[in-house]
């Protein structure tokens, strides 16, 4: 179950309480404080959790995308920005361009991170999406790694749901997610 802890009309930051959390108890995620989210979830519950999380985040931002990969046959959806094609490569390209545009404005001193509405890419399950991108478009996998490394600087956050015992995730992506999940 997800609970919004903050009022989006009075507080630009969002806090989401996730309960019950697989590791026990509850987990609270403050994206702008904590960075990216890596959730360990049972594969049977992860898709529902991903869609519920995307729906909750959509209440705070028009920029929410979801990529799901159940049973190694991914379905790629976008909950916002309906003009983007729901192909995994297109989604990754779009989110990467979106992030790069923001980062360029920040780097040029024309904006700050706080000037932008937070944006979210929800991924379920991370290992299946990574496997699919590895087989279909290595460039998109590299873009995902770049988003994991630099996205938070442009107020773009990854919320990845996975089975942490999965051995198939490439080490670079794990390192970037763990490094930026402050």
N, C-alpha and C. Protein backbone atom coordinates (compact mmCIF):
# COMPACT_ATOMS: atom_id res chain seq x y z
N UNK A 1 0.83 -1.18 0.00
CA UNK A 1 0.00 0.00 0.00
C UNK A 1 0.88 1.24 0.00
N UNK A 2 0.47 2.24 -0.76
CA UNK A 2 1.20 3.50 -0.83
C UNK A 2 0.36 4.60 -0.20
N UNK A 3 1.01 5.46 0.54
CA UNK A 3 0.33 6.58 1.17
C UNK A 3 1.11 7.84 0.88
N UNK A 4 0.44 8.87 0.37
CA UNK A 4 1.09 10.16 0.19
C UNK A 4 1.13 10.85 1.54
N UNK A 5 2.30 11.33 1.92
CA UNK A 5 2.43 11.96 3.23
C UNK A 5 2.37 13.48 3.15
N UNK A 6 2.57 14.04 1.97
CA UNK A 6 2.61 15.48 1.82
C UNK A 6 1.47 15.95 0.93
N UNK A 7 1.07 17.19 1.11
CA UNK A 7 0.04 17.80 0.29
C UNK A 7 0.71 18.44 -0.92
N UNK A 8 0.40 17.96 -2.15
CA UNK A 8 1.06 18.50 -3.33
C UNK A 8 0.75 19.97 -3.59
N UNK A 9 -0.33 20.49 -2.99
CA UNK A 9 -0.69 21.90 -3.19
C UNK A 9 0.13 22.83 -2.31
N UNK A 10 0.66 22.33 -1.20
CA UNK A 10 1.40 23.19 -0.28
C UNK A 10 2.87 22.83 -0.14
N UNK A 11 3.25 21.65 -0.58
CA UNK A 11 4.63 21.19 -0.42
C UNK A 11 5.12 20.63 -1.74
N UNK A 12 6.16 21.24 -2.35
CA UNK A 12 6.63 20.75 -3.64
C UNK A 12 7.34 19.40 -3.56
N UNK A 13 7.80 19.04 -2.37
CA UNK A 13 8.42 17.73 -2.20
C UNK A 13 7.33 16.70 -1.98
N UNK A 14 7.64 15.47 -2.30
CA UNK A 14 6.69 14.39 -2.09
C UNK A 14 7.33 13.38 -1.15
N UNK A 15 6.50 12.78 -0.35
CA UNK A 15 6.95 11.65 0.47
C UNK A 15 5.92 10.56 0.28
N UNK A 16 6.40 9.37 0.03
CA UNK A 16 5.52 8.23 -0.19
C UNK A 16 5.89 7.15 0.83
N UNK A 17 4.90 6.69 1.58
CA UNK A 17 5.12 5.59 2.53
C UNK A 17 4.69 4.30 1.83
N UNK A 18 5.57 3.33 1.85
CA UNK A 18 5.32 2.05 1.20
C UNK A 18 5.21 1.02 2.31
N UNK A 19 4.03 0.40 2.43
CA UNK A 19 3.82 -0.60 3.48
C UNK A 19 2.86 -1.66 3.02
N UNK A 20 2.92 -2.87 3.41
CA UNK A 20 4.08 -3.41 4.11
C UNK A 20 5.22 -3.62 3.12
N UNK A 21 6.39 -3.32 3.56
CA UNK A 21 7.58 -3.45 2.74
C UNK A 21 8.11 -4.87 2.89
N UNK A 22 8.60 -5.48 1.81
CA UNK A 22 9.05 -6.87 1.84
C UNK A 22 10.06 -7.15 2.95
N UNK A 23 10.92 -6.18 3.22
CA UNK A 23 11.94 -6.38 4.24
C UNK A 23 11.35 -6.25 5.65
N UNK A 24 10.08 -5.90 5.72
CA UNK A 24 9.42 -5.75 7.02
C UNK A 24 9.21 -4.28 7.35
N UNK A 25 8.12 -3.99 8.00
CA UNK A 25 7.84 -2.61 8.39
C UNK A 25 7.45 -1.75 7.22
N UNK A 26 7.74 -0.46 7.34
CA UNK A 26 7.41 0.48 6.28
C UNK A 26 8.67 1.15 5.76
N UNK A 27 8.55 1.72 4.57
CA UNK A 27 9.64 2.46 3.97
C UNK A 27 9.06 3.78 3.49
N UNK A 28 9.73 4.88 3.78
CA UNK A 28 9.29 6.18 3.31
C UNK A 28 10.32 6.69 2.32
N UNK A 29 9.83 7.12 1.16
CA UNK A 29 10.71 7.62 0.10
C UNK A 29 10.43 9.09 -0.13
N UNK A 30 11.46 9.90 0.03
CA UNK A 30 11.43 11.33 -0.29
C UNK A 30 12.37 11.50 -1.49
N UNK A 31 11.85 11.47 -2.72
CA UNK A 31 12.74 11.48 -3.89
C UNK A 31 13.73 12.63 -3.92
N UNK A 32 13.29 13.84 -3.59
CA UNK A 32 14.20 14.98 -3.69
C UNK A 32 15.25 14.98 -2.59
N UNK A 33 15.03 14.24 -1.56
CA UNK A 33 16.03 14.10 -0.50
C UNK A 33 16.84 12.83 -0.65
N UNK A 34 16.14 11.73 -0.97
CA UNK A 34 16.77 10.41 -0.99
C UNK A 34 17.35 10.01 -2.34
N UNK A 35 16.91 10.62 -3.41
CA UNK A 35 17.36 10.21 -4.74
C UNK A 35 16.53 9.05 -5.26
N UNK A 36 17.15 8.17 -6.00
CA UNK A 36 16.45 7.06 -6.63
C UNK A 36 15.95 6.05 -5.60
N UNK A 37 14.95 5.27 -6.02
CA UNK A 37 14.37 4.25 -5.16
C UNK A 37 14.64 2.88 -5.75
N UNK A 38 15.13 1.98 -4.94
CA UNK A 38 15.31 0.59 -5.34
C UNK A 38 14.53 -0.25 -4.34
N UNK A 39 13.44 -0.86 -4.81
CA UNK A 39 12.56 -1.65 -3.95
C UNK A 39 12.71 -3.12 -4.23
N UNK A 40 12.85 -3.88 -3.20
CA UNK A 40 12.86 -5.34 -3.31
C UNK A 40 11.43 -5.81 -3.12
N UNK A 41 10.88 -6.47 -4.13
CA UNK A 41 9.50 -6.94 -4.05
C UNK A 41 9.37 -8.32 -4.65
N UNK A 42 8.48 -9.08 -4.11
CA UNK A 42 8.16 -10.39 -4.65
C UNK A 42 7.66 -10.21 -6.08
N UNK A 43 8.14 -11.01 -7.03
CA UNK A 43 7.71 -10.85 -8.42
C UNK A 43 6.19 -10.87 -8.60
N UNK A 44 5.49 -11.62 -7.78
CA UNK A 44 4.03 -11.68 -7.91
C UNK A 44 3.36 -10.35 -7.54
N UNK A 45 3.99 -9.55 -6.70
CA UNK A 45 3.40 -8.29 -6.25
C UNK A 45 4.01 -7.07 -6.92
N UNK A 46 5.12 -7.23 -7.63
CA UNK A 46 5.85 -6.07 -8.12
C UNK A 46 5.09 -5.26 -9.17
N UNK A 47 4.37 -5.91 -10.07
CA UNK A 47 3.65 -5.17 -11.11
C UNK A 47 2.57 -4.29 -10.50
N UNK A 48 1.82 -4.84 -9.55
CA UNK A 48 0.79 -4.03 -8.88
C UNK A 48 1.44 -2.86 -8.15
N UNK A 49 2.55 -3.12 -7.46
CA UNK A 49 3.26 -2.06 -6.75
C UNK A 49 3.74 -0.99 -7.72
N UNK A 50 4.30 -1.39 -8.85
CA UNK A 50 4.80 -0.43 -9.84
C UNK A 50 3.68 0.46 -10.36
N UNK A 51 2.55 -0.13 -10.71
CA UNK A 51 1.43 0.67 -11.23
C UNK A 51 0.83 1.58 -10.16
N UNK A 52 0.76 1.09 -8.94
CA UNK A 52 0.25 1.92 -7.84
C UNK A 52 1.20 3.08 -7.58
N UNK A 53 2.50 2.81 -7.60
CA UNK A 53 3.49 3.86 -7.41
C UNK A 53 3.40 4.89 -8.53
N UNK A 54 3.30 4.43 -9.78
CA UNK A 54 3.18 5.36 -10.92
C UNK A 54 1.93 6.22 -10.80
N UNK A 55 0.82 5.61 -10.41
CA UNK A 55 -0.43 6.37 -10.23
C UNK A 55 -0.28 7.42 -9.12
N UNK A 56 0.35 7.03 -8.02
CA UNK A 56 0.57 7.96 -6.91
C UNK A 56 1.45 9.13 -7.35
N UNK A 57 2.54 8.83 -8.04
CA UNK A 57 3.45 9.87 -8.51
C UNK A 57 2.79 10.78 -9.54
N UNK A 58 1.89 10.22 -10.35
CA UNK A 58 1.18 11.02 -11.36
C UNK A 58 0.31 12.10 -10.72
N UNK A 59 -0.06 11.91 -9.47
CA UNK A 59 -0.81 12.94 -8.75
C UNK A 59 0.05 14.14 -8.39
N UNK A 60 1.37 14.00 -8.51
CA UNK A 60 2.29 15.07 -8.15
C UNK A 60 3.07 15.61 -9.34
N UNK A 61 3.05 14.91 -10.44
CA UNK A 61 3.86 15.33 -11.59
C UNK A 61 3.22 14.84 -12.89
N UNK A 62 3.26 15.68 -13.92
CA UNK A 62 2.78 15.22 -15.23
C UNK A 62 3.82 14.36 -15.95
N UNK A 63 4.99 14.24 -15.37
CA UNK A 63 6.10 13.53 -16.02
C UNK A 63 6.38 12.21 -15.30
N UNK A 64 5.57 11.21 -15.61
CA UNK A 64 5.74 9.88 -15.02
C UNK A 64 5.65 8.86 -16.14
N UNK A 65 6.68 8.02 -16.22
CA UNK A 65 6.71 6.96 -17.22
C UNK A 65 6.89 5.65 -16.49
N UNK A 66 6.36 4.59 -17.07
CA UNK A 66 6.53 3.27 -16.46
C UNK A 66 6.95 2.28 -17.55
N UNK A 67 7.94 1.49 -17.22
CA UNK A 67 8.39 0.41 -18.10
C UNK A 67 8.25 -0.87 -17.28
N UNK A 68 7.47 -1.81 -17.79
CA UNK A 68 7.32 -3.08 -17.08
C UNK A 68 7.81 -4.21 -17.97
N UNK A 69 8.32 -5.23 -17.33
CA UNK A 69 8.82 -6.37 -18.08
C UNK A 69 8.42 -7.68 -17.45
N UNK A 70 7.12 -7.99 -17.37
CA UNK A 70 6.74 -9.26 -16.76
C UNK A 70 7.08 -10.44 -17.64
N UNK A 71 7.52 -11.49 -17.02
CA UNK A 71 7.80 -12.77 -17.69
C UNK A 71 8.70 -12.63 -18.91
N UNK A 72 9.64 -11.70 -18.84
CA UNK A 72 10.60 -11.51 -19.93
C UNK A 72 9.95 -11.15 -21.26
N UNK A 73 8.69 -10.74 -21.23
CA UNK A 73 8.00 -10.23 -22.41
C UNK A 73 7.49 -8.84 -22.05
N UNK A 74 8.33 -7.82 -22.13
CA UNK A 74 8.01 -6.51 -21.59
C UNK A 74 6.82 -5.83 -22.28
N UNK A 75 6.10 -5.11 -21.46
CA UNK A 75 5.07 -4.20 -21.93
C UNK A 75 5.53 -2.84 -21.46
N UNK A 76 5.61 -1.89 -22.35
CA UNK A 76 6.13 -0.58 -21.99
C UNK A 76 5.00 0.43 -22.09
N UNK A 77 4.72 1.12 -21.00
CA UNK A 77 3.62 2.05 -20.91
C UNK A 77 4.12 3.40 -20.46
N UNK A 78 3.36 4.41 -20.80
CA UNK A 78 3.64 5.76 -20.35
C UNK A 78 2.37 6.26 -19.68
N UNK A 79 2.46 6.69 -18.44
CA UNK A 79 1.27 7.16 -17.75
C UNK A 79 1.04 8.64 -17.99
N UNK A 80 2.05 9.34 -18.45
CA UNK A 80 1.93 10.76 -18.79
C UNK A 80 2.64 10.97 -20.12
N UNK A 81 2.56 12.16 -20.65
CA UNK A 81 3.20 12.46 -21.93
C UNK A 81 2.79 11.46 -22.99
N UNK A 82 1.50 11.41 -23.28
CA UNK A 82 0.94 10.41 -24.18
C UNK A 82 1.45 10.52 -25.61
N UNK A 83 2.13 11.62 -25.95
CA UNK A 83 2.63 11.76 -27.31
C UNK A 83 3.88 10.92 -27.56
N UNK A 84 4.42 10.29 -26.56
CA UNK A 84 5.61 9.45 -26.71
C UNK A 84 5.18 8.01 -26.98
N UNK A 85 5.80 7.40 -27.98
CA UNK A 85 5.45 6.02 -28.33
C UNK A 85 5.85 5.06 -27.21
N UNK A 86 5.01 4.05 -26.93
CA UNK A 86 5.30 3.14 -25.83
C UNK A 86 6.27 2.01 -26.19
N UNK A 87 7.32 2.32 -26.88
CA UNK A 87 8.37 1.37 -27.20
C UNK A 87 9.51 1.60 -26.22
N UNK A 88 10.13 0.55 -25.69
CA UNK A 88 11.16 0.74 -24.67
C UNK A 88 12.30 1.64 -25.12
N UNK A 89 12.72 1.50 -26.34
CA UNK A 89 13.81 2.32 -26.86
C UNK A 89 13.36 3.78 -26.94
N UNK A 90 12.13 4.00 -27.42
CA UNK A 90 11.60 5.36 -27.50
C UNK A 90 11.42 5.98 -26.12
N UNK A 91 10.95 5.19 -25.17
CA UNK A 91 10.77 5.70 -23.80
C UNK A 91 12.12 6.11 -23.23
N UNK A 92 13.12 5.25 -23.37
CA UNK A 92 14.44 5.58 -22.83
C UNK A 92 15.02 6.81 -23.52
N UNK A 93 14.90 6.88 -24.85
CA UNK A 93 15.39 8.05 -25.59
C UNK A 93 14.69 9.32 -25.12
N UNK A 94 13.36 9.24 -24.96
CA UNK A 94 12.59 10.41 -24.55
C UNK A 94 13.00 10.88 -23.16
N UNK A 95 13.05 9.96 -22.21
CA UNK A 95 13.40 10.33 -20.84
C UNK A 95 14.83 10.85 -20.78
N UNK A 96 15.73 10.26 -21.55
CA UNK A 96 17.12 10.74 -21.58
C UNK A 96 17.18 12.16 -22.15
N UNK A 97 16.47 12.42 -23.27
CA UNK A 97 16.45 13.78 -23.85
C UNK A 97 15.83 14.78 -22.87
N UNK A 98 14.75 14.38 -22.24
CA UNK A 98 14.06 15.20 -21.25
C UNK A 98 15.04 15.60 -20.13
N UNK A 99 15.77 14.62 -19.62
CA UNK A 99 16.74 14.85 -18.55
C UNK A 99 17.89 15.73 -19.03
N UNK A 100 18.38 15.45 -20.23
CA UNK A 100 19.49 16.21 -20.79
C UNK A 100 19.13 17.68 -21.00
N UNK A 101 17.91 17.95 -21.46
CA UNK A 101 17.47 19.34 -21.63
C UNK A 101 17.47 20.07 -20.30
N UNK A 102 16.97 19.43 -19.28
CA UNK A 102 16.96 20.04 -17.95
C UNK A 102 18.39 20.27 -17.45
N UNK A 103 19.22 19.25 -17.60
CA UNK A 103 20.61 19.34 -17.11
C UNK A 103 21.38 20.44 -17.82
N UNK A 104 21.13 20.62 -19.11
CA UNK A 104 21.79 21.68 -19.88
C UNK A 104 21.41 23.06 -19.34
N UNK A 105 20.13 23.27 -19.07
CA UNK A 105 19.68 24.54 -18.50
C UNK A 105 20.32 24.79 -17.13
N UNK A 106 20.44 23.75 -16.33
CA UNK A 106 21.06 23.87 -15.01
C UNK A 106 22.55 24.18 -15.16
N UNK A 107 23.23 23.45 -16.03
CA UNK A 107 24.67 23.66 -16.24
C UNK A 107 24.98 25.05 -16.78
N UNK A 108 24.06 25.62 -17.57
CA UNK A 108 24.26 26.96 -18.14
C UNK A 108 23.81 28.07 -17.20
N UNK A 109 23.36 27.72 -16.00
CA UNK A 109 22.94 28.72 -15.03
C UNK A 109 21.58 29.32 -15.32
N UNK A 110 20.82 28.73 -16.22
CA UNK A 110 19.50 29.26 -16.58
C UNK A 110 18.40 28.70 -15.69
N UNK A 111 18.70 27.70 -14.89
CA UNK A 111 17.71 27.08 -14.01
C UNK A 111 18.43 26.36 -12.89
N UNK A 112 17.66 26.00 -11.87
CA UNK A 112 18.16 25.15 -10.80
C UNK A 112 17.29 23.90 -10.76
N UNK A 113 17.75 22.91 -10.06
CA UNK A 113 16.99 21.67 -9.94
C UNK A 113 15.58 21.94 -9.43
N UNK A 114 15.45 22.84 -8.46
CA UNK A 114 14.14 23.15 -7.86
C UNK A 114 13.20 23.87 -8.82
N UNK A 115 13.71 24.39 -9.93
CA UNK A 115 12.84 25.05 -10.91
C UNK A 115 11.98 24.06 -11.67
N UNK A 116 12.32 22.79 -11.62
CA UNK A 116 11.62 21.78 -12.40
C UNK A 116 10.72 20.91 -11.53
N UNK A 117 9.57 20.56 -12.09
CA UNK A 117 8.69 19.58 -11.46
C UNK A 117 9.41 18.24 -11.47
N UNK A 118 9.40 17.51 -10.37
CA UNK A 118 10.05 16.20 -10.38
C UNK A 118 9.46 15.30 -11.47
N UNK A 119 10.31 14.47 -12.03
CA UNK A 119 9.89 13.51 -13.06
C UNK A 119 10.34 12.13 -12.60
N UNK A 120 9.58 11.11 -13.01
CA UNK A 120 9.84 9.76 -12.50
C UNK A 120 9.77 8.73 -13.60
N UNK A 121 10.71 7.80 -13.58
CA UNK A 121 10.67 6.62 -14.44
C UNK A 121 10.57 5.41 -13.51
N UNK A 122 9.42 4.74 -13.56
CA UNK A 122 9.17 3.56 -12.73
C UNK A 122 9.50 2.33 -13.57
N UNK A 123 10.32 1.44 -13.04
CA UNK A 123 10.76 0.26 -13.78
C UNK A 123 10.40 -1.00 -13.00
N UNK A 124 9.70 -1.92 -13.68
CA UNK A 124 9.32 -3.20 -13.08
C UNK A 124 9.41 -4.29 -14.13
N UNK A 125 10.05 -5.30 -13.90
CA UNK A 125 11.09 -5.47 -12.91
C UNK A 125 12.42 -5.11 -13.55
N UNK A 126 13.29 -4.56 -12.76
CA UNK A 126 14.55 -4.05 -13.28
C UNK A 126 15.33 -5.13 -14.03
N UNK A 127 15.41 -6.33 -13.46
CA UNK A 127 16.21 -7.36 -14.13
C UNK A 127 15.63 -7.75 -15.48
N UNK A 128 14.29 -7.80 -15.60
CA UNK A 128 13.68 -8.16 -16.89
C UNK A 128 13.84 -7.05 -17.92
N UNK A 129 13.71 -5.81 -17.49
CA UNK A 129 13.89 -4.68 -18.41
C UNK A 129 15.34 -4.62 -18.87
N UNK A 130 16.28 -4.81 -17.94
CA UNK A 130 17.70 -4.80 -18.32
C UNK A 130 18.00 -5.93 -19.30
N UNK A 131 17.48 -7.12 -19.04
CA UNK A 131 17.68 -8.24 -19.97
C UNK A 131 17.15 -7.91 -21.35
N UNK A 132 15.95 -7.34 -21.41
CA UNK A 132 15.34 -7.01 -22.70
C UNK A 132 16.14 -5.95 -23.43
N UNK A 133 16.55 -4.90 -22.73
CA UNK A 133 17.33 -3.84 -23.38
C UNK A 133 18.70 -4.36 -23.81
N UNK A 134 19.28 -5.26 -23.03
CA UNK A 134 20.57 -5.83 -23.41
C UNK A 134 20.46 -6.58 -24.73
N UNK A 135 19.33 -7.25 -24.94
CA UNK A 135 19.12 -8.03 -26.16
C UNK A 135 18.64 -7.19 -27.34
N UNK A 136 17.91 -6.12 -27.06
CA UNK A 136 17.29 -5.36 -28.15
C UNK A 136 17.99 -4.06 -28.49
N UNK A 137 18.53 -3.38 -27.49
CA UNK A 137 19.15 -2.08 -27.76
C UNK A 137 20.11 -1.72 -26.63
N UNK A 138 21.36 -2.03 -26.84
CA UNK A 138 22.37 -1.76 -25.82
C UNK A 138 22.46 -0.26 -25.50
N UNK A 139 22.22 0.58 -26.51
CA UNK A 139 22.26 2.03 -26.30
C UNK A 139 21.25 2.45 -25.23
N UNK A 140 20.04 1.88 -25.27
CA UNK A 140 19.03 2.22 -24.27
C UNK A 140 19.44 1.77 -22.88
N UNK A 141 20.14 0.67 -22.79
CA UNK A 141 20.66 0.22 -21.50
C UNK A 141 21.70 1.21 -20.98
N UNK A 142 22.53 1.72 -21.88
CA UNK A 142 23.51 2.73 -21.49
C UNK A 142 22.82 4.02 -21.03
N UNK A 143 21.72 4.39 -21.72
CA UNK A 143 20.97 5.59 -21.31
C UNK A 143 20.36 5.40 -19.93
N UNK A 144 19.88 4.20 -19.64
CA UNK A 144 19.34 3.90 -18.32
C UNK A 144 20.43 4.07 -17.26
N UNK A 145 21.62 3.63 -17.56
CA UNK A 145 22.74 3.79 -16.63
C UNK A 145 23.06 5.27 -16.41
N UNK A 146 23.02 6.07 -17.48
CA UNK A 146 23.26 7.51 -17.37
C UNK A 146 22.18 8.16 -16.51
N UNK A 147 20.92 7.76 -16.71
CA UNK A 147 19.83 8.29 -15.89
C UNK A 147 20.03 7.94 -14.42
N UNK A 148 20.48 6.73 -14.16
CA UNK A 148 20.73 6.32 -12.78
C UNK A 148 21.85 7.15 -12.16
N UNK A 149 22.82 7.51 -12.97
CA UNK A 149 23.98 8.26 -12.47
C UNK A 149 23.70 9.75 -12.33
N UNK A 150 22.98 10.35 -13.30
CA UNK A 150 22.85 11.81 -13.35
C UNK A 150 21.43 12.36 -13.24
N UNK A 151 20.43 11.50 -13.31
CA UNK A 151 19.05 11.98 -13.37
C UNK A 151 18.63 12.85 -12.21
N UNK A 152 19.06 12.50 -11.00
CA UNK A 152 18.64 13.26 -9.82
C UNK A 152 19.09 14.72 -9.88
N UNK A 153 20.16 15.00 -10.61
CA UNK A 153 20.64 16.38 -10.73
C UNK A 153 19.68 17.25 -11.55
N UNK A 154 18.80 16.59 -12.32
CA UNK A 154 17.81 17.31 -13.13
C UNK A 154 16.40 17.09 -12.58
N UNK A 155 16.31 16.62 -11.34
CA UNK A 155 15.03 16.35 -10.69
C UNK A 155 14.26 15.24 -11.41
N UNK A 156 15.01 14.24 -11.92
CA UNK A 156 14.45 13.06 -12.57
C UNK A 156 14.90 11.85 -11.75
N UNK A 157 13.93 11.05 -11.31
CA UNK A 157 14.22 9.96 -10.39
C UNK A 157 13.76 8.62 -10.93
N UNK A 158 14.56 7.60 -10.68
CA UNK A 158 14.20 6.23 -11.03
C UNK A 158 13.60 5.57 -9.80
N UNK A 159 12.54 4.83 -10.02
CA UNK A 159 11.97 3.98 -8.98
C UNK A 159 11.97 2.58 -9.57
N UNK A 160 12.96 1.80 -9.19
CA UNK A 160 13.14 0.46 -9.76
C UNK A 160 12.68 -0.59 -8.77
N UNK A 161 11.84 -1.49 -9.25
CA UNK A 161 11.35 -2.59 -8.43
C UNK A 161 11.99 -3.86 -8.96
N UNK A 162 12.55 -4.64 -8.05
CA UNK A 162 13.30 -5.81 -8.47
C UNK A 162 13.33 -6.86 -7.37
N UNK A 163 13.80 -8.01 -7.74
CA UNK A 163 14.12 -9.05 -6.78
C UNK A 163 15.62 -8.93 -6.56
N UNK A 164 16.04 -8.47 -5.40
CA UNK A 164 17.45 -8.20 -5.16
C UNK A 164 18.33 -9.43 -5.24
N UNK A 165 17.73 -10.60 -5.26
CA UNK A 165 18.52 -11.81 -5.41
C UNK A 165 18.80 -12.12 -6.87
N UNK A 166 18.23 -11.34 -7.79
CA UNK A 166 18.43 -11.58 -9.22
C UNK A 166 19.89 -11.33 -9.58
N UNK A 167 20.57 -12.29 -10.17
CA UNK A 167 21.98 -12.14 -10.49
C UNK A 167 22.24 -11.48 -11.85
N UNK A 168 21.19 -11.12 -12.58
CA UNK A 168 21.37 -10.72 -13.97
C UNK A 168 21.62 -9.23 -14.19
N UNK A 169 21.52 -8.40 -13.20
CA UNK A 169 21.69 -6.97 -13.38
C UNK A 169 23.17 -6.65 -13.58
N UNK A 170 23.47 -5.82 -14.60
CA UNK A 170 24.87 -5.49 -14.85
C UNK A 170 25.43 -4.65 -13.70
N UNK A 171 26.68 -4.85 -13.39
CA UNK A 171 27.31 -4.22 -12.23
C UNK A 171 27.34 -2.71 -12.32
N UNK A 172 27.53 -2.13 -13.52
CA UNK A 172 27.58 -0.68 -13.66
C UNK A 172 26.26 -0.04 -13.25
N UNK A 173 25.15 -0.65 -13.67
CA UNK A 173 23.84 -0.10 -13.32
C UNK A 173 23.60 -0.19 -11.82
N UNK A 174 23.94 -1.32 -11.20
CA UNK A 174 23.79 -1.45 -9.75
C UNK A 174 24.61 -0.38 -9.04
N UNK A 175 25.85 -0.20 -9.46
CA UNK A 175 26.73 0.78 -8.82
C UNK A 175 26.14 2.18 -8.93
N UNK A 176 25.63 2.55 -10.13
CA UNK A 176 25.05 3.88 -10.30
C UNK A 176 23.80 4.06 -9.45
N UNK A 177 22.96 3.04 -9.39
CA UNK A 177 21.75 3.14 -8.56
C UNK A 177 22.11 3.25 -7.08
N UNK A 178 23.05 2.45 -6.63
CA UNK A 178 23.43 2.47 -5.22
C UNK A 178 24.14 3.76 -4.85
N UNK A 179 24.94 4.32 -5.77
CA UNK A 179 25.67 5.55 -5.51
C UNK A 179 24.73 6.73 -5.39
N UNK A 180 23.71 6.79 -6.26
CA UNK A 180 22.84 7.96 -6.26
C UNK A 180 21.64 7.80 -5.35
N UNK A 181 21.40 6.63 -4.83
CA UNK A 181 20.32 6.45 -3.85
C UNK A 181 20.88 6.83 -2.49
N UNK A 182 21.08 8.11 -2.32
CA UNK A 182 21.78 8.67 -1.16
C UNK A 182 21.29 8.13 0.12
